[in-house]
Amino acid sequence: MDARRRLAVISAHICSTGSGFHQPRLQPVSVSGSSSGSDADQGKSLNGACVFCRIIRGESPAFKLYEDDACLCILDSNPLSRGHSLIIPKSHFSSLDATPPSVIAAMCSKVPLISSAIVKATGSDSFNLLVNNGAAAGQVIFHTHIHIIPRKEQDCLWASEAIPEIRPRSFQTS
C-alpha cells in the first residue's frame, strides 16, 4: 500500500469509537521491499532477542502505520496517548549514539509526514518527539526508536504540566 494512502487511513485505526480509548488490533508486520544492502552491510544485523527486530521480521504483532526501506512506524503497545507511535530503523542499533547518522536522518526525515497524519487523525494540538537514550534516560527496548506522542492542550501528560494547586490566601504573596 502506498505510504501516503496508509497514513490517510490511519484515523480509522487510531480514532476511538465513542468516548473510550481504543487500541487497534495488532497484526504481524510484513516486511516489504528490503533495502539495497543486507542488514549486515548497513551496520548491525537484526537481533533475535529484540522485540523490534522480531516485529520487523514479521514474527511479532504490531500495527504498522508507515514503512519504507530504512524504517518502520508502528503504534506503541503501551501508549501514553491515543496515537502514540514509534519510528524504528530496520537495522538493529542499541541506542541513538550507536546509530549511523544516515539512519537517524532517514528516520527523522519521516517525522513531518507521519506526525502530521497522527496529529490530524487524533485531533491533537501538537506532539512530543522523544528519544530515551540509555537506561538512565528511561530506554527500555535497546533498539533505537523515536516516539511521536500526540498531545492536546491541558492533557497534563507530564507531571511538570500539572496545574499547580491553589494555595490558601494566607500563603500567597502580593
N, C-alpha and C. Protein backbone atom coordinates (compact mmCIF):
# COMPACT_ATOMS: atom_id res chain seq x y z
N MET A 1 0.85 -1.17 0.00
CA MET A 1 0.00 0.00 0.00
C MET A 1 0.90 1.24 0.00
N ASP A 2 0.57 2.21 -0.78
CA ASP A 2 1.30 3.48 -0.85
C ASP A 2 1.38 4.13 0.53
N ALA A 3 2.54 4.68 0.86
CA ALA A 3 2.77 5.26 2.19
C ALA A 3 1.77 6.37 2.50
N ARG A 4 1.50 7.24 1.56
CA ARG A 4 0.55 8.34 1.81
C ARG A 4 -0.87 7.80 2.02
N ARG A 5 -1.23 6.76 1.28
CA ARG A 5 -2.56 6.16 1.46
C ARG A 5 -2.66 5.52 2.84
N ARG A 6 -1.58 4.84 3.27
CA ARG A 6 -1.58 4.22 4.60
C ARG A 6 -1.78 5.28 5.68
N LEU A 7 -1.11 6.41 5.53
CA LEU A 7 -1.27 7.48 6.51
C LEU A 7 -2.66 8.10 6.44
N ALA A 8 -3.26 8.09 5.28
CA ALA A 8 -4.60 8.66 5.12
C ALA A 8 -5.64 7.82 5.86
N VAL A 9 -5.44 6.52 5.93
CA VAL A 9 -6.41 5.66 6.60
C VAL A 9 -6.11 5.46 8.08
N ILE A 10 -5.08 6.11 8.55
CA ILE A 10 -4.67 5.95 9.94
C ILE A 10 -5.77 6.31 10.93
N SER A 11 -6.56 7.32 10.61
CA SER A 11 -7.58 7.78 11.55
C SER A 11 -8.61 6.70 11.84
N ALA A 12 -8.89 5.84 10.89
CA ALA A 12 -9.85 4.77 11.12
C ALA A 12 -9.34 3.79 12.17
N HIS A 13 -8.05 3.71 12.31
CA HIS A 13 -7.46 2.77 13.25
C HIS A 13 -7.07 3.40 14.57
N ILE A 14 -6.77 4.69 14.57
CA ILE A 14 -6.34 5.38 15.79
C ILE A 14 -7.52 5.96 16.54
N CYS A 15 -8.45 6.56 15.82
CA CYS A 15 -9.56 7.24 16.47
C CYS A 15 -10.43 6.23 17.21
N SER A 16 -10.86 6.64 18.38
CA SER A 16 -11.68 5.75 19.19
C SER A 16 -13.11 5.73 18.68
N THR A 17 -13.79 4.66 19.01
CA THR A 17 -15.22 4.57 18.69
C THR A 17 -15.97 4.93 19.97
N GLY A 18 -16.50 6.10 20.03
CA GLY A 18 -17.13 6.58 21.24
C GLY A 18 -16.13 7.37 22.07
N SER A 19 -16.37 7.43 23.37
CA SER A 19 -15.52 8.25 24.21
C SER A 19 -14.34 7.49 24.80
N GLY A 20 -14.33 6.15 24.76
CA GLY A 20 -13.26 5.38 25.36
C GLY A 20 -12.03 5.29 24.48
N PHE A 21 -10.90 5.05 25.11
CA PHE A 21 -9.63 4.87 24.40
C PHE A 21 -9.67 3.51 23.74
N HIS A 22 -9.41 3.43 22.46
CA HIS A 22 -9.46 2.17 21.72
C HIS A 22 -8.11 1.90 21.09
N GLN A 23 -7.48 0.82 21.50
CA GLN A 23 -6.21 0.43 20.90
C GLN A 23 -6.51 -0.54 19.77
N PRO A 24 -6.02 -0.27 18.56
CA PRO A 24 -6.31 -1.14 17.43
C PRO A 24 -5.74 -2.54 17.62
N ARG A 25 -6.34 -3.49 16.93
CA ARG A 25 -5.88 -4.87 16.97
C ARG A 25 -4.51 -4.95 16.30
N LEU A 26 -3.57 -5.57 17.00
CA LEU A 26 -2.23 -5.70 16.46
C LEU A 26 -2.16 -6.87 15.50
N GLN A 27 -1.38 -6.71 14.45
CA GLN A 27 -1.22 -7.74 13.45
C GLN A 27 0.25 -7.91 13.16
N PRO A 28 0.65 -9.11 12.70
CA PRO A 28 2.06 -9.26 12.32
C PRO A 28 2.40 -8.27 11.21
N VAL A 29 3.58 -7.71 11.30
CA VAL A 29 4.05 -6.76 10.30
C VAL A 29 4.76 -7.53 9.21
N SER A 30 4.39 -7.25 7.98
CA SER A 30 5.11 -7.88 6.87
C SER A 30 6.19 -6.93 6.41
N VAL A 31 7.36 -7.47 6.16
CA VAL A 31 8.46 -6.64 5.71
C VAL A 31 8.40 -6.59 4.20
N SER A 32 8.12 -5.39 3.68
CA SER A 32 8.10 -5.24 2.23
C SER A 32 9.50 -4.94 1.78
N GLY A 33 9.68 -4.65 0.52
CA GLY A 33 10.98 -4.47 -0.10
C GLY A 33 12.14 -4.23 0.84
N SER A 34 13.20 -4.97 0.66
CA SER A 34 14.36 -4.77 1.50
C SER A 34 15.21 -3.64 0.95
N SER A 35 16.11 -3.16 1.80
CA SER A 35 16.98 -2.08 1.37
C SER A 35 18.03 -2.59 0.41
N SER A 36 18.78 -1.67 -0.16
CA SER A 36 19.73 -2.02 -1.21
C SER A 36 20.80 -2.99 -0.75
N GLY A 37 21.18 -2.95 0.52
CA GLY A 37 22.19 -3.86 1.02
C GLY A 37 21.60 -4.73 2.10
N SER A 38 22.39 -5.70 2.55
CA SER A 38 21.91 -6.55 3.62
C SER A 38 21.98 -5.79 4.93
N ASP A 39 21.31 -6.32 5.97
CA ASP A 39 21.36 -5.67 7.28
C ASP A 39 22.80 -5.59 7.78
N ALA A 40 23.60 -6.63 7.52
CA ALA A 40 24.98 -6.62 7.98
C ALA A 40 25.77 -5.52 7.29
N ASP A 41 25.47 -5.24 6.02
CA ASP A 41 26.15 -4.17 5.30
C ASP A 41 25.78 -2.81 5.86
N GLN A 42 24.57 -2.68 6.43
CA GLN A 42 24.10 -1.40 6.94
C GLN A 42 24.68 -1.09 8.31
N GLY A 43 25.15 -2.03 9.04
CA GLY A 43 25.67 -1.76 10.37
C GLY A 43 25.59 -2.98 11.24
N LYS A 44 24.40 -3.31 11.71
CA LYS A 44 24.23 -4.49 12.55
C LYS A 44 23.04 -5.28 12.04
N SER A 45 23.14 -6.60 12.16
CA SER A 45 22.04 -7.45 11.72
C SER A 45 20.91 -7.41 12.75
N LEU A 46 19.77 -7.92 12.39
CA LEU A 46 18.63 -7.96 13.30
C LEU A 46 18.96 -8.89 14.46
N ASN A 47 18.55 -8.51 15.65
CA ASN A 47 18.84 -9.23 16.88
C ASN A 47 17.67 -10.16 17.19
N GLY A 48 17.95 -11.45 17.37
CA GLY A 48 16.91 -12.43 17.62
C GLY A 48 16.10 -12.19 18.88
N ALA A 49 16.69 -11.58 19.91
CA ALA A 49 16.01 -11.35 21.18
C ALA A 49 15.28 -10.01 21.22
N CYS A 50 15.53 -9.12 20.29
CA CYS A 50 14.97 -7.77 20.31
C CYS A 50 13.52 -7.78 19.80
N VAL A 51 12.60 -7.21 20.59
CA VAL A 51 11.19 -7.19 20.21
C VAL A 51 10.98 -6.42 18.91
N PHE A 52 11.70 -5.32 18.70
CA PHE A 52 11.54 -4.56 17.46
C PHE A 52 12.08 -5.35 16.27
N CYS A 53 13.16 -6.08 16.45
CA CYS A 53 13.68 -6.91 15.35
C CYS A 53 12.68 -8.02 15.00
N ARG A 54 12.03 -8.58 16.02
CA ARG A 54 11.00 -9.61 15.75
C ARG A 54 9.82 -8.99 15.00
N ILE A 55 9.44 -7.76 15.34
CA ILE A 55 8.36 -7.08 14.63
C ILE A 55 8.77 -6.84 13.18
N ILE A 56 9.99 -6.38 12.97
CA ILE A 56 10.48 -6.11 11.61
C ILE A 56 10.47 -7.38 10.76
N ARG A 57 10.83 -8.51 11.37
CA ARG A 57 10.83 -9.80 10.65
C ARG A 57 9.43 -10.37 10.48
N GLY A 58 8.43 -9.77 11.11
CA GLY A 58 7.06 -10.26 11.00
C GLY A 58 6.75 -11.38 11.97
N GLU A 59 7.59 -11.57 12.98
CA GLU A 59 7.41 -12.65 13.95
C GLU A 59 6.57 -12.24 15.16
N SER A 60 6.44 -10.94 15.39
CA SER A 60 5.64 -10.42 16.50
C SER A 60 4.62 -9.43 15.95
N PRO A 61 3.46 -9.33 16.59
CA PRO A 61 2.43 -8.43 16.09
C PRO A 61 2.72 -6.97 16.40
N ALA A 62 2.28 -6.12 15.51
CA ALA A 62 2.35 -4.67 15.68
C ALA A 62 1.38 -4.06 14.68
N PHE A 63 0.97 -2.83 14.94
CA PHE A 63 0.12 -2.13 13.98
C PHE A 63 0.99 -1.15 13.22
N LYS A 64 1.21 -1.45 11.95
CA LYS A 64 2.10 -0.66 11.11
C LYS A 64 1.38 0.55 10.54
N LEU A 65 2.02 1.73 10.71
CA LEU A 65 1.48 2.96 10.15
C LEU A 65 2.22 3.37 8.89
N TYR A 66 3.52 3.07 8.84
CA TYR A 66 4.36 3.51 7.73
C TYR A 66 5.54 2.54 7.62
N GLU A 67 6.00 2.33 6.39
CA GLU A 67 7.17 1.50 6.18
C GLU A 67 7.86 1.92 4.89
N ASP A 68 9.19 1.95 4.94
CA ASP A 68 9.99 2.12 3.74
C ASP A 68 11.22 1.23 3.89
N ASP A 69 12.20 1.38 3.03
CA ASP A 69 13.38 0.52 3.08
C ASP A 69 14.21 0.71 4.34
N ALA A 70 14.17 1.89 4.95
CA ALA A 70 15.04 2.19 6.08
C ALA A 70 14.36 2.07 7.45
N CYS A 71 13.06 2.37 7.51
CA CYS A 71 12.41 2.40 8.82
C CYS A 71 10.96 1.94 8.77
N LEU A 72 10.43 1.77 9.96
CA LEU A 72 9.07 1.30 10.16
C LEU A 72 8.46 2.17 11.25
N CYS A 73 7.20 2.55 11.11
CA CYS A 73 6.49 3.27 12.15
C CYS A 73 5.32 2.41 12.60
N ILE A 74 5.25 2.17 13.90
CA ILE A 74 4.19 1.35 14.48
C ILE A 74 3.53 2.09 15.64
N LEU A 75 2.32 1.67 15.99
CA LEU A 75 1.70 2.20 17.20
C LEU A 75 2.39 1.58 18.41
N ASP A 76 2.62 2.38 19.44
CA ASP A 76 3.22 1.89 20.67
C ASP A 76 2.23 0.95 21.35
N SER A 77 2.71 -0.19 21.86
CA SER A 77 1.81 -1.15 22.50
C SER A 77 1.44 -0.73 23.92
N ASN A 78 2.12 0.27 24.46
CA ASN A 78 1.80 0.80 25.79
C ASN A 78 1.76 2.32 25.68
N PRO A 79 0.75 2.86 24.98
CA PRO A 79 0.74 4.29 24.63
C PRO A 79 0.52 5.23 25.80
N LEU A 80 1.18 6.39 25.72
CA LEU A 80 0.96 7.46 26.68
C LEU A 80 -0.24 8.31 26.28
N SER A 81 -0.57 8.29 25.00
CA SER A 81 -1.75 8.99 24.49
C SER A 81 -2.23 8.25 23.24
N ARG A 82 -3.46 8.54 22.83
CA ARG A 82 -4.02 7.90 21.64
C ARG A 82 -3.18 8.30 20.42
N GLY A 83 -2.67 7.32 19.69
CA GLY A 83 -1.86 7.58 18.51
C GLY A 83 -0.36 7.57 18.77
N HIS A 84 0.06 7.34 20.03
CA HIS A 84 1.48 7.28 20.38
C HIS A 84 2.16 6.24 19.49
N SER A 85 3.15 6.68 18.73
CA SER A 85 3.78 5.84 17.72
C SER A 85 5.30 5.84 17.87
N LEU A 86 5.92 4.86 17.24
CA LEU A 86 7.37 4.72 17.29
C LEU A 86 7.92 4.59 15.88
N ILE A 87 8.98 5.33 15.59
CA ILE A 87 9.70 5.15 14.33
C ILE A 87 10.96 4.37 14.68
N ILE A 88 11.12 3.22 14.04
CA ILE A 88 12.26 2.35 14.34
C ILE A 88 13.03 2.04 13.06
N PRO A 89 14.35 2.00 13.14
CA PRO A 89 15.12 1.62 11.95
C PRO A 89 15.02 0.11 11.72
N LYS A 90 15.13 -0.31 10.49
CA LYS A 90 15.04 -1.74 10.17
C LYS A 90 16.31 -2.51 10.49
N SER A 91 17.39 -1.80 10.77
CA SER A 91 18.61 -2.43 11.25
C SER A 91 18.69 -2.24 12.75
N HIS A 92 19.31 -3.20 13.43
CA HIS A 92 19.39 -3.13 14.89
C HIS A 92 20.58 -2.28 15.33
N PHE A 93 20.27 -1.23 16.09
CA PHE A 93 21.27 -0.41 16.76
C PHE A 93 20.74 -0.20 18.16
N SER A 94 21.57 -0.43 19.17
CA SER A 94 21.09 -0.45 20.55
C SER A 94 20.72 0.91 21.11
N SER A 95 21.29 1.97 20.57
CA SER A 95 21.00 3.31 21.10
C SER A 95 21.25 4.34 20.00
N LEU A 96 20.81 5.55 20.26
CA LEU A 96 20.96 6.62 19.27
C LEU A 96 22.43 6.88 18.96
N ASP A 97 23.27 6.87 19.98
CA ASP A 97 24.68 7.15 19.75
C ASP A 97 25.40 6.02 19.01
N ALA A 98 24.78 4.84 18.93
CA ALA A 98 25.34 3.72 18.17
C ALA A 98 24.77 3.67 16.75
N THR A 99 23.84 4.55 16.43
CA THR A 99 23.16 4.55 15.14
C THR A 99 23.86 5.49 14.17
N PRO A 100 24.16 5.02 12.95
CA PRO A 100 24.82 5.89 11.98
C PRO A 100 23.96 7.12 11.64
N PRO A 101 24.60 8.25 11.41
CA PRO A 101 23.86 9.48 11.07
C PRO A 101 22.91 9.30 9.88
N SER A 102 23.28 8.49 8.91
CA SER A 102 22.40 8.29 7.75
C SER A 102 21.10 7.60 8.14
N VAL A 103 21.15 6.69 9.11
CA VAL A 103 19.94 6.01 9.58
C VAL A 103 19.08 6.98 10.39
N ILE A 104 19.71 7.76 11.24
CA ILE A 104 18.98 8.77 12.01
C ILE A 104 18.30 9.77 11.07
N ALA A 105 19.03 10.17 10.03
CA ALA A 105 18.47 11.11 9.05
C ALA A 105 17.26 10.50 8.35
N ALA A 106 17.34 9.23 8.00
CA ALA A 106 16.21 8.57 7.34
C ALA A 106 14.99 8.53 8.25
N MET A 107 15.21 8.25 9.52
CA MET A 107 14.11 8.21 10.49
C MET A 107 13.51 9.61 10.67
N CYS A 108 14.37 10.59 10.89
CA CYS A 108 13.90 11.96 11.15
C CYS A 108 13.22 12.59 9.94
N SER A 109 13.63 12.17 8.75
CA SER A 109 13.01 12.75 7.56
C SER A 109 11.54 12.35 7.42
N LYS A 110 11.13 11.32 8.11
CA LYS A 110 9.73 10.86 8.06
C LYS A 110 8.85 11.53 9.10
N VAL A 111 9.46 12.20 10.08
CA VAL A 111 8.70 12.81 11.17
C VAL A 111 7.64 13.78 10.68
N PRO A 112 7.93 14.71 9.77
CA PRO A 112 6.87 15.65 9.34
C PRO A 112 5.65 14.95 8.73
N LEU A 113 5.87 13.99 7.87
CA LEU A 113 4.76 13.28 7.22
C LEU A 113 3.94 12.47 8.24
N ILE A 114 4.64 11.66 9.03
CA ILE A 114 3.96 10.78 9.97
C ILE A 114 3.28 11.58 11.09
N SER A 115 3.99 12.54 11.66
CA SER A 115 3.42 13.30 12.79
C SER A 115 2.21 14.12 12.36
N SER A 116 2.26 14.71 11.18
CA SER A 116 1.09 15.50 10.75
C SER A 116 -0.12 14.60 10.54
N ALA A 117 0.09 13.40 10.03
CA ALA A 117 -1.03 12.46 9.87
C ALA A 117 -1.58 12.02 11.22
N ILE A 118 -0.70 11.76 12.17
CA ILE A 118 -1.13 11.33 13.51
C ILE A 118 -1.86 12.46 14.22
N VAL A 119 -1.32 13.67 14.17
CA VAL A 119 -1.96 14.82 14.81
C VAL A 119 -3.36 15.04 14.23
N LYS A 120 -3.47 14.97 12.92
CA LYS A 120 -4.78 15.15 12.27
C LYS A 120 -5.74 14.03 12.65
N ALA A 121 -5.25 12.79 12.62
CA ALA A 121 -6.12 11.64 12.90
C ALA A 121 -6.61 11.62 14.34
N THR A 122 -5.80 12.11 15.26
CA THR A 122 -6.18 12.08 16.68
C THR A 122 -6.84 13.37 17.15
N GLY A 123 -6.89 14.38 16.29
CA GLY A 123 -7.47 15.66 16.70
C GLY A 123 -6.61 16.36 17.75
N SER A 124 -5.33 16.09 17.72
CA SER A 124 -4.41 16.68 18.69
C SER A 124 -4.01 18.09 18.28
N ASP A 125 -3.47 18.82 19.25
CA ASP A 125 -2.98 20.18 19.00
C ASP A 125 -1.52 20.16 18.57
N SER A 126 -0.77 19.19 19.07
CA SER A 126 0.66 19.15 18.83
C SER A 126 1.18 17.76 19.18
N PHE A 127 2.50 17.62 19.28
CA PHE A 127 3.08 16.32 19.64
C PHE A 127 4.43 16.52 20.28
N ASN A 128 4.83 15.51 21.06
CA ASN A 128 6.20 15.45 21.57
C ASN A 128 6.97 14.48 20.70
N LEU A 129 8.22 14.82 20.43
CA LEU A 129 9.16 13.94 19.74
C LEU A 129 10.18 13.57 20.81
N LEU A 130 10.33 12.28 21.10
CA LEU A 130 11.10 11.86 22.25
C LEU A 130 12.01 10.70 21.91
N VAL A 131 13.25 10.77 22.40
CA VAL A 131 14.17 9.65 22.33
C VAL A 131 14.70 9.41 23.73
N ASN A 132 14.49 8.22 24.26
CA ASN A 132 15.10 7.81 25.52
C ASN A 132 16.38 7.09 25.13
N ASN A 133 17.53 7.66 25.45
CA ASN A 133 18.80 7.08 25.01
C ASN A 133 19.58 6.61 26.23
N GLY A 134 19.54 5.32 26.50
CA GLY A 134 20.22 4.72 27.64
C GLY A 134 19.27 4.46 28.79
N ALA A 135 19.66 3.52 29.65
CA ALA A 135 18.81 3.09 30.76
C ALA A 135 18.48 4.25 31.70
N ALA A 136 19.46 5.08 32.02
CA ALA A 136 19.22 6.19 32.94
C ALA A 136 18.22 7.21 32.38
N ALA A 137 18.08 7.24 31.05
CA ALA A 137 17.14 8.15 30.40
C ALA A 137 15.78 7.49 30.17
N GLY A 138 15.61 6.27 30.64
CA GLY A 138 14.32 5.59 30.51
C GLY A 138 14.20 4.67 29.32
N GLN A 139 15.29 4.40 28.60
CA GLN A 139 15.21 3.47 27.47
C GLN A 139 14.97 2.07 28.02
N VAL A 140 13.95 1.40 27.50
CA VAL A 140 13.57 0.06 27.95
C VAL A 140 13.90 -0.97 26.87
N ILE A 141 13.63 -0.63 25.62
CA ILE A 141 13.95 -1.51 24.50
C ILE A 141 15.21 -0.97 23.85
N PHE A 142 16.25 -1.76 23.85
CA PHE A 142 17.55 -1.29 23.36
C PHE A 142 17.70 -1.55 21.87
N HIS A 143 16.84 -0.87 21.13
CA HIS A 143 16.83 -0.78 19.67
C HIS A 143 16.43 0.67 19.43
N THR A 144 17.25 1.44 18.76
CA THR A 144 16.96 2.86 18.55
C THR A 144 15.52 3.06 18.11
N HIS A 145 14.85 4.03 18.70
CA HIS A 145 13.49 4.38 18.26
C HIS A 145 13.15 5.80 18.70
N ILE A 146 12.26 6.40 17.94
CA ILE A 146 11.79 7.75 18.21
C ILE A 146 10.30 7.67 18.51
N HIS A 147 9.89 8.27 19.62
CA HIS A 147 8.48 8.32 19.98
C HIS A 147 7.84 9.57 19.37
N ILE A 148 6.65 9.41 18.81
CA ILE A 148 5.80 10.53 18.44
C ILE A 148 4.57 10.41 19.35
N ILE A 149 4.41 11.40 20.24
CA ILE A 149 3.35 11.35 21.23
C ILE A 149 2.38 12.50 20.98
N PRO A 150 1.20 12.21 20.42
CA PRO A 150 0.22 13.27 20.17
C PRO A 150 -0.22 13.90 21.49
N ARG A 151 -0.44 15.22 21.45
CA ARG A 151 -0.80 15.96 22.65
C ARG A 151 -2.00 16.85 22.39
N LYS A 152 -2.76 17.06 23.43
CA LYS A 152 -3.87 18.01 23.42
C LYS A 152 -3.63 19.00 24.55
N GLU A 153 -4.07 20.23 24.34
CA GLU A 153 -3.87 21.26 25.35
C GLU A 153 -4.46 20.80 26.68
N GLN A 154 -3.71 21.01 27.73
CA GLN A 154 -4.10 20.69 29.10
C GLN A 154 -4.34 19.20 29.33
N ASP A 155 -3.66 18.33 28.58
CA ASP A 155 -3.79 16.89 28.85
C ASP A 155 -2.94 16.46 30.05
N CYS A 156 -2.03 17.32 30.48
CA CYS A 156 -1.20 17.08 31.66
C CYS A 156 -0.54 15.69 31.63
N LEU A 157 0.02 15.35 30.50
CA LEU A 157 0.68 14.05 30.34
C LEU A 157 1.91 13.95 31.23
N TRP A 158 2.66 15.02 31.33
CA TRP A 158 3.87 15.04 32.17
C TRP A 158 3.54 15.70 33.49
N ALA A 159 4.13 15.21 34.56
CA ALA A 159 3.87 15.75 35.90
C ALA A 159 4.17 17.25 35.97
N SER A 160 5.16 17.71 35.24
CA SER A 160 5.54 19.12 35.26
C SER A 160 4.46 20.02 34.66
N GLU A 161 3.50 19.44 33.94
CA GLU A 161 2.43 20.22 33.32
C GLU A 161 1.17 20.30 34.17
N ALA A 162 1.19 19.61 35.29
CA ALA A 162 0.00 19.61 36.15
C ALA A 162 -0.28 21.01 36.63
N ILE A 163 -1.54 21.32 36.72
CA ILE A 163 -1.96 22.64 37.20
C ILE A 163 -1.60 22.72 38.67
N PRO A 164 -0.84 23.75 39.06
CA PRO A 164 -0.44 23.85 40.47
C PRO A 164 -1.66 24.01 41.37
N GLU A 165 -1.54 23.42 42.53
CA GLU A 165 -2.64 23.54 43.50
C GLU A 165 -2.76 24.99 43.94
N ILE A 166 -3.96 25.39 44.21
CA ILE A 166 -4.19 26.75 44.69
C ILE A 166 -3.88 26.77 46.18
N ARG A 167 -2.92 27.60 46.53
CA ARG A 167 -2.55 27.70 47.94
C ARG A 167 -3.53 28.58 48.67
N PRO A 168 -3.71 28.33 49.98
CA PRO A 168 -4.59 29.20 50.76
C PRO A 168 -4.09 30.64 50.70
N ARG A 169 -5.02 31.59 50.75
CA ARG A 169 -4.69 33.01 50.62
C ARG A 169 -3.57 33.43 51.58
N SER A 170 -3.51 32.87 52.79
CA SER A 170 -2.51 33.29 53.77
C SER A 170 -1.07 32.97 53.30
N PHE A 171 -0.92 32.05 52.35
CA PHE A 171 0.41 31.69 51.87
C PHE A 171 0.76 32.39 50.56
N GLN A 172 -0.15 33.10 49.99
CA GLN A 172 0.11 33.80 48.74
C GLN A 172 0.84 35.11 49.00
N THR A 173 1.71 35.44 48.09
CA THR A 173 2.40 36.73 48.21
C THR A 173 1.67 37.76 47.38
N SER A 174 1.80 39.02 47.73
CA SER A 174 1.09 40.05 46.99
C SER A 174 1.88 40.57 45.83
